[in-house]
Amino acid sequence: MSVNIIQEILKTGILKHLFASHHLLEGFHSCVTR
């Protein structure tokens, strides 16, 4: 049970990190192209 919880936390953490870095890249790209 605890292993499943840890895996879920890792999955959501990785997804949040990817989403955040993608958002930062999009913002950086829009600033560069302006």
N, C-alpha and C. Protein backbone atom coordinates (compact mmCIF):
# COMPACT_ATOMS: atom_id res chain seq x y z
N MET A 1 0.83 -1.20 0.00
CA MET A 1 0.00 0.00 0.00
C MET A 1 0.87 1.26 0.00
N SER A 2 1.86 1.30 0.88
CA SER A 2 2.72 2.50 0.95
C SER A 2 3.52 2.68 -0.34
N VAL A 3 3.88 1.56 -0.97
CA VAL A 3 4.65 1.66 -2.22
C VAL A 3 3.79 2.32 -3.29
N ASN A 4 2.51 1.95 -3.36
CA ASN A 4 1.62 2.57 -4.34
C ASN A 4 1.49 4.07 -4.11
N ILE A 5 1.38 4.47 -2.85
CA ILE A 5 1.27 5.89 -2.53
C ILE A 5 2.53 6.62 -2.97
N ILE A 6 3.69 6.03 -2.69
CA ILE A 6 4.97 6.66 -3.09
C ILE A 6 5.05 6.79 -4.60
N GLN A 7 4.63 5.73 -5.31
CA GLN A 7 4.66 5.78 -6.78
C GLN A 7 3.74 6.87 -7.30
N GLU A 8 2.56 7.00 -6.70
CA GLU A 8 1.61 8.05 -7.13
C GLU A 8 2.21 9.43 -6.89
N ILE A 9 2.85 9.62 -5.73
CA ILE A 9 3.46 10.92 -5.43
C ILE A 9 4.57 11.21 -6.44
N LEU A 10 5.38 10.21 -6.76
CA LEU A 10 6.46 10.42 -7.73
C LEU A 10 5.89 10.75 -9.10
N LYS A 11 4.84 10.04 -9.51
CA LYS A 11 4.22 10.30 -10.82
C LYS A 11 3.70 11.72 -10.90
N THR A 12 2.92 12.14 -9.88
CA THR A 12 2.35 13.48 -9.90
C THR A 12 3.45 14.53 -9.81
N GLY A 13 4.49 14.26 -9.04
CA GLY A 13 5.60 15.21 -8.92
C GLY A 13 6.30 15.38 -10.26
N ILE A 14 6.54 14.26 -10.96
CA ILE A 14 7.20 14.32 -12.27
C ILE A 14 6.31 15.06 -13.27
N LEU A 15 5.01 14.77 -13.26
CA LEU A 15 4.10 15.45 -14.18
C LEU A 15 4.06 16.94 -13.90
N LYS A 16 4.00 17.32 -12.62
CA LYS A 16 3.98 18.74 -12.26
C LYS A 16 5.28 19.41 -12.70
N HIS A 17 6.41 18.71 -12.52
CA HIS A 17 7.71 19.28 -12.90
C HIS A 17 7.77 19.48 -14.41
N LEU A 18 7.30 18.47 -15.18
CA LEU A 18 7.30 18.60 -16.64
C LEU A 18 6.39 19.73 -17.08
N PHE A 19 5.22 19.84 -16.47
CA PHE A 19 4.28 20.90 -16.82
C PHE A 19 4.87 22.27 -16.50
N ALA A 20 5.53 22.39 -15.34
CA ALA A 20 6.12 23.66 -14.93
C ALA A 20 7.25 24.05 -15.90
N SER A 21 8.13 23.10 -16.23
CA SER A 21 9.24 23.42 -17.14
C SER A 21 8.71 23.75 -18.53
N HIS A 22 7.64 23.08 -18.96
CA HIS A 22 7.04 23.39 -20.27
C HIS A 22 6.47 24.80 -20.24
N HIS A 23 5.82 25.17 -19.14
CA HIS A 23 5.24 26.51 -19.00
C HIS A 23 6.35 27.56 -19.03
N LEU A 24 7.48 27.27 -18.35
CA LEU A 24 8.59 28.22 -18.34
C LEU A 24 9.18 28.35 -19.73
N LEU A 25 9.30 27.24 -20.47
CA LEU A 25 9.84 27.29 -21.83
C LEU A 25 8.93 28.09 -22.73
N GLU A 26 7.62 27.91 -22.59
CA GLU A 26 6.66 28.67 -23.40
C GLU A 26 6.80 30.16 -23.12
N GLY A 27 6.91 30.53 -21.85
CA GLY A 27 7.06 31.94 -21.49
C GLY A 27 8.37 32.51 -22.04
N PHE A 28 9.45 31.74 -21.93
CA PHE A 28 10.74 32.19 -22.44
C PHE A 28 10.69 32.37 -23.95
N HIS A 29 10.05 31.43 -24.64
CA HIS A 29 9.94 31.50 -26.10
C HIS A 29 9.14 32.74 -26.51
N SER A 30 8.04 33.00 -25.82
CA SER A 30 7.21 34.17 -26.17
C SER A 30 7.99 35.46 -25.91
N CYS A 31 8.81 35.48 -24.87
CA CYS A 31 9.61 36.68 -24.60
C CYS A 31 10.67 36.88 -25.69
N VAL A 32 11.26 35.79 -26.15
CA VAL A 32 12.31 35.88 -27.17
C VAL A 32 11.73 36.32 -28.52
N THR A 33 10.56 35.79 -28.86
CA THR A 33 9.99 36.10 -30.18
C THR A 33 9.38 37.50 -30.23
N ARG A 34 9.19 38.14 -29.08
CA ARG A 34 8.56 39.46 -29.09
C ARG A 34 9.45 40.49 -29.73
